[in-house]
Amino acid sequence: NATPNSAPHAPWAERAMAAHRNAIENLIVFAAVV
């Protein structure tokens, strides 16, 4: 489990995590209409 002392992700990895969350959010709506 991550702790406050855990080393942070690289900035690109943080952006990838945000993109993944966004993809999941958009997949739900796309799947519903398809």
PDB file of all heavy atoms in Angstrom:
ATOM      1  N   ASN A   1       0.843  -1.196   0.000  1.00  0.00           N
ATOM      2  CA  ASN A   1       0.000   0.000   0.000  1.00  0.00           C
ATOM      3  C   ASN A   1       0.879   1.247   0.000  1.00  0.00           C
ATOM      4  O   ASN A   1       1.902   1.287   0.687  1.00  0.00           O
ATOM      5  CB  ASN A   1      -0.912   0.018   1.227  1.00  0.00           C
ATOM      6  CG  ASN A   1      -1.946  -1.087   1.179  1.00  0.00           C
ATOM      7  OD1 ASN A   1      -2.463  -1.409   0.112  1.00  0.00           O
ATOM      8  ND2 ASN A   1      -2.251  -1.671   2.330  1.00  0.00           N
ATOM      9  N   ALA A   2       0.459   2.239  -0.745  1.00  0.00           N
ATOM     10  CA  ALA A   2       1.197   3.505  -0.775  1.00  0.00           C
ATOM     11  C   ALA A   2       1.079   4.183   0.589  1.00  0.00           C
ATOM     12  O   ALA A   2       0.043   4.096   1.251  1.00  0.00           O
ATOM     13  CB  ALA A   2       0.662   4.403  -1.869  1.00  0.00           C
ATOM     14  N   THR A   3       2.142   4.832   0.972  1.00  0.00           N
ATOM     15  CA  THR A   3       2.154   5.603   2.214  1.00  0.00           C
ATOM     16  C   THR A   3       2.593   7.026   1.882  1.00  0.00           C
ATOM     17  O   THR A   3       3.079   7.283   0.772  1.00  0.00           O
ATOM     18  CB  THR A   3       3.148   4.987   3.228  1.00  0.00           C
ATOM     19  OG1 THR A   3       4.481   5.160   2.721  1.00  0.00           O
ATOM     20  CG2 THR A   3       2.876   3.514   3.471  1.00  0.00           C
ATOM     21  N   PRO A   4       2.460   7.941   2.828  1.00  0.00           N
ATOM     22  CA  PRO A   4       2.946   9.301   2.566  1.00  0.00           C
ATOM     23  C   PRO A   4       4.439   9.351   2.241  1.00  0.00           C
ATOM     24  O   PRO A   4       4.908  10.281   1.611  1.00  0.00           O
ATOM     25  CB  PRO A   4       2.639  10.046   3.867  1.00  0.00           C
ATOM     26  CG  PRO A   4       1.497   9.301   4.467  1.00  0.00           C
ATOM     27  CD  PRO A   4       1.728   7.857   4.091  1.00  0.00           C
ATOM     28  N   ASN A   5       5.174   8.318   2.659  1.00  0.00           N
ATOM     29  CA  ASN A   5       6.615   8.279   2.402  1.00  0.00           C
ATOM     30  C   ASN A   5       6.972   7.553   1.107  1.00  0.00           C
ATOM     31  O   ASN A   5       8.150   7.455   0.770  1.00  0.00           O
ATOM     32  CB  ASN A   5       7.338   7.596   3.573  1.00  0.00           C
ATOM     33  CG  ASN A   5       7.173   8.366   4.861  1.00  0.00           C
ATOM     34  OD1 ASN A   5       7.053   9.591   4.856  1.00  0.00           O
ATOM     35  ND2 ASN A   5       7.150   7.656   5.972  1.00  0.00           N
ATOM     36  N   SER A   6       5.965   7.029   0.380  1.00  0.00           N
ATOM     37  CA  SER A   6       6.236   6.315  -0.876  1.00  0.00           C
ATOM     38  C   SER A   6       6.791   7.275  -1.914  1.00  0.00           C
ATOM     39  O   SER A   6       6.359   8.424  -2.011  1.00  0.00           O
ATOM     40  CB  SER A   6       4.960   5.678  -1.417  1.00  0.00           C
ATOM     41  OG  SER A   6       4.476   4.690  -0.543  1.00  0.00           O
ATOM     42  N   ALA A   7       7.743   6.775  -2.690  1.00  0.00           N
ATOM     43  CA  ALA A   7       8.311   7.588  -3.767  1.00  0.00           C
ATOM     44  C   ALA A   7       7.215   7.912  -4.781  1.00  0.00           C
ATOM     45  O   ALA A   7       6.392   7.052  -5.106  1.00  0.00           O
ATOM     46  CB  ALA A   7       9.454   6.838  -4.434  1.00  0.00           C
ATOM     47  N   PRO A   8       7.185   9.134  -5.266  1.00  0.00           N
ATOM     48  CA  PRO A   8       6.133   9.516  -6.222  1.00  0.00           C
ATOM     49  C   PRO A   8       6.381   8.917  -7.606  1.00  0.00           C
ATOM     50  O   PRO A   8       7.504   8.581  -7.962  1.00  0.00           O
ATOM     51  CB  PRO A   8       6.234  11.038  -6.266  1.00  0.00           C
ATOM     52  CG  PRO A   8       7.650  11.335  -5.912  1.00  0.00           C
ATOM     53  CD  PRO A   8       8.070  10.247  -4.952  1.00  0.00           C
ATOM     54  N   HIS A   9       5.303   8.803  -8.359  1.00  0.00           N
ATOM     55  CA  HIS A   9       5.410   8.383  -9.755  1.00  0.00           C
ATOM     56  C   HIS A   9       6.107   9.476 -10.557  1.00  0.00           C
ATOM     57  O   HIS A   9       6.108  10.640 -10.161  1.00  0.00           O
ATOM     58  CB  HIS A   9       4.022   8.183 -10.373  1.00  0.00           C
ATOM     59  CG  HIS A   9       3.279   7.021  -9.829  1.00  0.00           C
ATOM     60  ND1 HIS A   9       2.308   7.152  -8.873  1.00  0.00           N
ATOM     61  CD2 HIS A   9       3.361   5.703 -10.118  1.00  0.00           C
ATOM     62  CE1 HIS A   9       1.818   5.963  -8.591  1.00  0.00           C
ATOM     63  NE2 HIS A   9       2.440   5.063  -9.327  1.00  0.00           N
ATOM     64  N   ALA A  10       6.628   9.097 -11.710  1.00  0.00           N
ATOM     65  CA  ALA A  10       7.150  10.087 -12.649  1.00  0.00           C
ATOM     66  C   ALA A  10       5.965  10.924 -13.145  1.00  0.00           C
ATOM     67  O   ALA A  10       4.832  10.439 -13.176  1.00  0.00           O
ATOM     68  CB  ALA A  10       7.827   9.381 -13.816  1.00  0.00           C
ATOM     69  N   PRO A  11       6.203  12.160 -13.538  1.00  0.00           N
ATOM     70  CA  PRO A  11       5.097  12.996 -14.033  1.00  0.00           C
ATOM     71  C   PRO A  11       4.318  12.344 -15.182  1.00  0.00           C
ATOM     72  O   PRO A  11       3.087  12.429 -15.229  1.00  0.00           O
ATOM     73  CB  PRO A  11       5.787  14.282 -14.475  1.00  0.00           C
ATOM     74  CG  PRO A  11       7.005  14.362 -13.599  1.00  0.00           C
ATOM     75  CD  PRO A  11       7.451  12.923 -13.441  1.00  0.00           C
ATOM     76  N   TRP A  12       5.015  11.661 -16.102  1.00  0.00           N
ATOM     77  CA  TRP A  12       4.303  11.023 -17.207  1.00  0.00           C
ATOM     78  C   TRP A  12       3.381   9.918 -16.697  1.00  0.00           C
ATOM     79  O   TRP A  12       2.300   9.702 -17.249  1.00  0.00           O
ATOM     80  CB  TRP A  12       5.271  10.469 -18.264  1.00  0.00           C
ATOM     81  CG  TRP A  12       6.077   9.285 -17.814  1.00  0.00           C
ATOM     82  CD1 TRP A  12       7.344   9.295 -17.330  1.00  0.00           C
ATOM     83  CD2 TRP A  12       5.646   7.918 -17.796  1.00  0.00           C
ATOM     84  NE1 TRP A  12       7.745   8.017 -16.998  1.00  0.00           N
ATOM     85  CE2 TRP A  12       6.713   7.148 -17.286  1.00  0.00           C
ATOM     86  CE3 TRP A  12       4.475   7.266 -18.163  1.00  0.00           C
ATOM     87  CZ2 TRP A  12       6.645   5.768 -17.116  1.00  0.00           C
ATOM     88  CZ3 TRP A  12       4.397   5.889 -18.002  1.00  0.00           C
ATOM     89  CH2 TRP A  12       5.474   5.149 -17.492  1.00  0.00           C
ATOM     90  N   ALA A  13       3.795   9.216 -15.637  1.00  0.00           N
ATOM     91  CA  ALA A  13       2.971   8.140 -15.084  1.00  0.00           C
ATOM     92  C   ALA A  13       1.728   8.707 -14.414  1.00  0.00           C
ATOM     93  O   ALA A  13       0.648   8.116 -14.498  1.00  0.00           O
ATOM     94  CB  ALA A  13       3.787   7.295 -14.109  1.00  0.00           C
ATOM     95  N   GLU A  14       1.864   9.853 -13.754  1.00  0.00           N
ATOM     96  CA  GLU A  14       0.690  10.518 -13.173  1.00  0.00           C
ATOM     97  C   GLU A  14      -0.302  10.894 -14.277  1.00  0.00           C
ATOM     98  O   GLU A  14      -1.508  10.731 -14.126  1.00  0.00           O
ATOM     99  CB  GLU A  14       1.111  11.769 -12.392  1.00  0.00           C
ATOM    100  CG  GLU A  14       1.892  11.490 -11.131  1.00  0.00           C
ATOM    101  CD  GLU A  14       1.051  10.879 -10.019  1.00  0.00           C
ATOM    102  OE1 GLU A  14      -0.185  11.025 -10.039  1.00  0.00           O
ATOM    103  OE2 GLU A  14       1.639  10.249  -9.127  1.00  0.00           O
ATOM    104  N   ARG A  15       0.238  11.403 -15.403  1.00  0.00           N
ATOM    105  CA  ARG A  15      -0.642  11.753 -16.525  1.00  0.00           C
ATOM    106  C   ARG A  15      -1.295  10.509 -17.126  1.00  0.00           C
ATOM    107  O   ARG A  15      -2.466  10.531 -17.511  1.00  0.00           O
ATOM    108  CB  ARG A  15       0.144  12.534 -17.582  1.00  0.00           C
ATOM    109  CG  ARG A  15       0.562  13.929 -17.116  1.00  0.00           C
ATOM    110  CD  ARG A  15       1.132  14.771 -18.243  1.00  0.00           C
ATOM    111  NE  ARG A  15       2.291  14.184 -18.890  1.00  0.00           N
ATOM    112  CZ  ARG A  15       3.555  14.379 -18.515  1.00  0.00           C
ATOM    113  NH1 ARG A  15       3.831  15.174 -17.488  1.00  0.00           N
ATOM    114  NH2 ARG A  15       4.550  13.821 -19.184  1.00  0.00           N
ATOM    115  N   ALA A  16      -0.549   9.394 -17.185  1.00  0.00           N
ATOM    116  CA  ALA A  16      -1.119   8.137 -17.694  1.00  0.00           C
ATOM    117  C   ALA A  16      -2.250   7.653 -16.796  1.00  0.00           C
ATOM    118  O   ALA A  16      -3.276   7.162 -17.286  1.00  0.00           O
ATOM    119  CB  ALA A  16      -0.031   7.073 -17.818  1.00  0.00           C
ATOM    120  N   MET A  17      -2.081   7.806 -15.497  1.00  0.00           N
ATOM    121  CA  MET A  17      -3.141   7.414 -14.561  1.00  0.00           C
ATOM    122  C   MET A  17      -4.392   8.267 -14.789  1.00  0.00           C
ATOM    123  O   MET A  17      -5.512   7.743 -14.805  1.00  0.00           O
ATOM    124  CB  MET A  17      -2.658   7.551 -13.121  1.00  0.00           C
ATOM    125  CG  MET A  17      -1.607   6.523 -12.749  1.00  0.00           C
ATOM    126  SD  MET A  17      -0.782   6.828 -11.169  1.00  0.00           S
ATOM    127  CE  MET A  17      -2.134   6.730 -10.034  1.00  0.00           C
ATOM    128  N   ALA A  18      -4.196   9.558 -14.990  1.00  0.00           N
ATOM    129  CA  ALA A  18      -5.338  10.450 -15.251  1.00  0.00           C
ATOM    130  C   ALA A  18      -6.008  10.091 -16.576  1.00  0.00           C
ATOM    131  O   ALA A  18      -7.246  10.081 -16.674  1.00  0.00           O
ATOM    132  CB  ALA A  18      -4.878  11.909 -15.254  1.00  0.00           C
ATOM    133  N   ALA A  19      -5.209   9.790 -17.588  1.00  0.00           N
ATOM    134  CA  ALA A  19      -5.768   9.401 -18.888  1.00  0.00           C
ATOM    135  C   ALA A  19      -6.550   8.103 -18.777  1.00  0.00           C
ATOM    136  O   ALA A  19      -7.602   7.941 -19.404  1.00  0.00           O
ATOM    137  CB  ALA A  19      -4.647   9.269 -19.924  1.00  0.00           C
ATOM    138  N   HIS A  20      -6.054   7.169 -17.972  1.00  0.00           N
ATOM    139  CA  HIS A  20      -6.749   5.894 -17.773  1.00  0.00           C
ATOM    140  C   HIS A  20      -8.096   6.124 -17.083  1.00  0.00           C
ATOM    141  O   HIS A  20      -9.123   5.568 -17.504  1.00  0.00           O
ATOM    142  CB  HIS A  20      -5.866   4.960 -16.956  1.00  0.00           C
ATOM    143  CG  HIS A  20      -6.412   3.575 -16.828  1.00  0.00           C
ATOM    144  ND1 HIS A  20      -5.997   2.725 -15.840  1.00  0.00           N
ATOM    145  CD2 HIS A  20      -7.340   2.884 -17.543  1.00  0.00           C
ATOM    146  CE1 HIS A  20      -6.634   1.566 -15.960  1.00  0.00           C
ATOM    147  NE2 HIS A  20      -7.460   1.648 -16.985  1.00  0.00           N
ATOM    148  N   ARG A  21      -8.111   6.946 -16.052  1.00  0.00           N
ATOM    149  CA  ARG A  21      -9.382   7.272 -15.370  1.00  0.00           C
ATOM    150  C   ARG A  21     -10.365   7.907 -16.352  1.00  0.00           C
ATOM    151  O   ARG A  21     -11.555   7.563 -16.381  1.00  0.00           O
ATOM    152  CB  ARG A  21      -9.138   8.195 -14.179  1.00  0.00           C
ATOM    153  CG  ARG A  21      -8.541   7.509 -12.976  1.00  0.00           C
ATOM    154  CD  ARG A  21      -8.519   8.410 -11.746  1.00  0.00           C
ATOM    155  NE  ARG A  21      -7.761   9.630 -11.947  1.00  0.00           N
ATOM    156  CZ  ARG A  21      -6.443   9.740 -11.724  1.00  0.00           C
ATOM    157  NH1 ARG A  21      -5.749   8.699 -11.310  1.00  0.00           N
ATOM    158  NH2 ARG A  21      -5.828  10.890 -11.918  1.00  0.00           N
ATOM    159  N   ASN A  22      -9.871   8.820 -17.176  1.00  0.00           N
ATOM    160  CA  ASN A  22     -10.716   9.483 -18.159  1.00  0.00           C
ATOM    161  C   ASN A  22     -11.249   8.481 -19.179  1.00  0.00           C
ATOM    162  O   ASN A  22     -12.410   8.544 -19.590  1.00  0.00           O
ATOM    163  CB  ASN A  22      -9.943  10.608 -18.841  1.00  0.00           C
ATOM    164  CG  ASN A  22     -10.812  11.419 -19.762  1.00  0.00           C
ATOM    165  OD1 ASN A  22     -10.911  11.107 -20.946  1.00  0.00           O
ATOM    166  ND2 ASN A  22     -11.445  12.449 -19.228  1.00  0.00           N
ATOM    167  N   ALA A  23     -10.400   7.531 -19.579  1.00  0.00           N
ATOM    168  CA  ALA A  23     -10.828   6.505 -20.540  1.00  0.00           C
ATOM    169  C   ALA A  23     -11.939   5.643 -19.955  1.00  0.00           C
ATOM    170  O   ALA A  23     -12.910   5.315 -20.652  1.00  0.00           O
ATOM    171  CB  ALA A  23      -9.637   5.642 -20.944  1.00  0.00           C
ATOM    172  N   ILE A  24     -11.821   5.287 -18.684  1.00  0.00           N
ATOM    173  CA  ILE A  24     -12.854   4.484 -18.033  1.00  0.00           C
ATOM    174  C   ILE A  24     -14.173   5.251 -17.992  1.00  0.00           C
ATOM    175  O   ILE A  24     -15.240   4.704 -18.305  1.00  0.00           O
ATOM    176  CB  ILE A  24     -12.408   4.065 -16.619  1.00  0.00           C
ATOM    177  CG1 ILE A  24     -11.240   3.082 -16.709  1.00  0.00           C
ATOM    178  CG2 ILE A  24     -13.571   3.472 -15.825  1.00  0.00           C
ATOM    179  CD1 ILE A  24     -10.519   2.843 -15.392  1.00  0.00           C
ATOM    180  N   GLU A  25     -14.112   6.521 -17.613  1.00  0.00           N
ATOM    181  CA  GLU A  25     -15.325   7.350 -17.551  1.00  0.00           C
ATOM    182  C   GLU A  25     -16.012   7.422 -18.913  1.00  0.00           C
ATOM    183  O   GLU A  25     -17.241   7.316 -19.004  1.00  0.00           O
ATOM    184  CB  GLU A  25     -14.978   8.764 -17.080  1.00  0.00           C
ATOM    185  CG  GLU A  25     -14.501   8.841 -15.650  1.00  0.00           C
ATOM    186  CD  GLU A  25     -13.886  10.181 -15.304  1.00  0.00           C
ATOM    187  OE1 GLU A  25     -13.826  11.073 -16.191  1.00  0.00           O
ATOM    188  OE2 GLU A  25     -13.447  10.342 -14.158  1.00  0.00           O
ATOM    189  N   ASN A  26     -15.235   7.607 -19.961  1.00  0.00           N
ATOM    190  CA  ASN A  26     -15.804   7.737 -21.302  1.00  0.00           C
ATOM    191  C   ASN A  26     -16.254   6.400 -21.874  1.00  0.00           C
ATOM    192  O   ASN A  26     -17.203   6.342 -22.662  1.00  0.00           O
ATOM    193  CB  ASN A  26     -14.816   8.425 -22.228  1.00  0.00           C
ATOM    194  CG  ASN A  26     -14.782   9.908 -21.970  1.00  0.00           C
ATOM    195  OD1 ASN A  26     -15.546  10.662 -22.542  1.00  0.00           O
ATOM    196  ND2 ASN A  26     -13.913  10.339 -21.056  1.00  0.00           N
ATOM    197  N   LEU A  27     -15.593   5.323 -21.483  1.00  0.00           N
ATOM    198  CA  LEU A  27     -15.984   3.986 -21.944  1.00  0.00           C
ATOM    199  C   LEU A  27     -17.392   3.643 -21.481  1.00  0.00           C
ATOM    200  O   LEU A  27     -18.162   3.023 -22.222  1.00  0.00           O
ATOM    201  CB  LEU A  27     -14.987   2.938 -21.456  1.00  0.00           C
ATOM    202  CG  LEU A  27     -15.298   1.486 -21.811  1.00  0.00           C
ATOM    203  CD1 LEU A  27     -15.378   1.284 -23.320  1.00  0.00           C
ATOM    204  CD2 LEU A  27     -14.253   0.564 -21.193  1.00  0.00           C
ATOM    205  N   ILE A  28     -17.753   4.053 -20.292  1.00  0.00           N
ATOM    206  CA  ILE A  28     -19.082   3.745 -19.756  1.00  0.00           C
ATOM    207  C   ILE A  28     -20.170   4.321 -20.661  1.00  0.00           C
ATOM    208  O   ILE A  28     -21.122   3.621 -21.038  1.00  0.00           O
ATOM    209  CB  ILE A  28     -19.220   4.281 -18.318  1.00  0.00           C
ATOM    210  CG1 ILE A  28     -18.270   3.526 -17.390  1.00  0.00           C
ATOM    211  CG2 ILE A  28     -20.664   4.177 -17.833  1.00  0.00           C
ATOM    212  CD1 ILE A  28     -18.072   4.181 -16.044  1.00  0.00           C
ATOM    213  N   VAL A  29     -20.038   5.568 -21.036  1.00  0.00           N
ATOM    214  CA  VAL A  29     -21.045   6.215 -21.877  1.00  0.00           C
ATOM    215  C   VAL A  29     -21.029   5.626 -23.285  1.00  0.00           C
ATOM    216  O   VAL A  29     -22.089   5.335 -23.865  1.00  0.00           O
ATOM    217  CB  VAL A  29     -20.830   7.749 -21.909  1.00  0.00           C
ATOM    218  CG1 VAL A  29     -21.862   8.428 -22.784  1.00  0.00           C
ATOM    219  CG2 VAL A  29     -20.864   8.320 -20.498  1.00  0.00           C
ATOM    220  N   PHE A  30     -19.834   5.426 -23.833  1.00  0.00           N
ATOM    221  CA  PHE A  30     -19.698   4.831 -25.159  1.00  0.00           C
ATOM    222  C   PHE A  30     -20.340   3.444 -25.195  1.00  0.00           C
ATOM    223  O   PHE A  30     -21.094   3.115 -26.113  1.00  0.00           O
ATOM    224  CB  PHE A  30     -18.213   4.761 -25.539  1.00  0.00           C
ATOM    225  CG  PHE A  30     -17.932   4.071 -26.844  1.00  0.00           C
ATOM    226  CD1 PHE A  30     -18.339   4.632 -28.053  1.00  0.00           C
ATOM    227  CD2 PHE A  30     -17.248   2.867 -26.867  1.00  0.00           C
ATOM    228  CE1 PHE A  30     -18.060   3.991 -29.264  1.00  0.00           C
ATOM    229  CE2 PHE A  30     -16.968   2.227 -28.067  1.00  0.00           C
ATOM    230  CZ  PHE A  30     -17.381   2.788 -29.269  1.00  0.00           C
ATOM    231  N   ALA A  31     -20.047   2.627 -24.198  1.00  0.00           N
ATOM    232  CA  ALA A  31     -20.616   1.275 -24.154  1.00  0.00           C
ATOM    233  C   ALA A  31     -22.137   1.335 -24.086  1.00  0.00           C
ATOM    234  O   ALA A  31     -22.825   0.552 -24.756  1.00  0.00           O
ATOM    235  CB  ALA A  31     -20.064   0.509 -22.957  1.00  0.00           C
ATOM    236  N   ALA A  32     -22.667   2.254 -23.312  1.00  0.00           N
ATOM    237  CA  ALA A  32     -24.121   2.362 -23.189  1.00  0.00           C
ATOM    238  C   ALA A  32     -24.779   2.660 -24.535  1.00  0.00           C
ATOM    239  O   ALA A  32     -25.775   2.023 -24.901  1.00  0.00           O
ATOM    240  CB  ALA A  32     -24.489   3.440 -22.168  1.00  0.00           C
ATOM    241  N   VAL A  33     -24.220   3.596 -25.295  1.00  0.00           N
ATOM    242  CA  VAL A  33     -24.855   3.937 -26.575  1.00  0.00           C
ATOM    243  C   VAL A  33     -24.635   2.853 -27.622  1.00  0.00           C
ATOM    244  O   VAL A  33     -25.525   2.583 -28.430  1.00  0.00           O
ATOM    245  CB  VAL A  33     -24.454   5.343 -27.100  1.00  0.00           C
ATOM    246  CG1 VAL A  33     -24.890   6.426 -26.118  1.00  0.00           C
ATOM    247  CG2 VAL A  33     -22.983   5.447 -27.402  1.00  0.00           C
ATOM    248  N   VAL A  34     -23.471   2.197 -27.609  1.00  0.00           N
ATOM    249  CA  VAL A  34     -23.238   1.101 -28.554  1.00  0.00           C
ATOM    250  C   VAL A  34     -24.176  -0.058 -28.247  1.00  0.00           C
ATOM    251  O   VAL A  34     -24.777  -0.652 -29.161  1.00  0.00           O
ATOM    252  CB  VAL A  34     -21.761   0.639 -28.536  1.00  0.00           C
ATOM    253  CG1 VAL A  34     -21.581  -0.688 -29.266  1.00  0.00           C
ATOM    254  CG2 VAL A  34     -20.865   1.702 -29.159  1.00  0.00           C
TER     255      VAL A  34
END
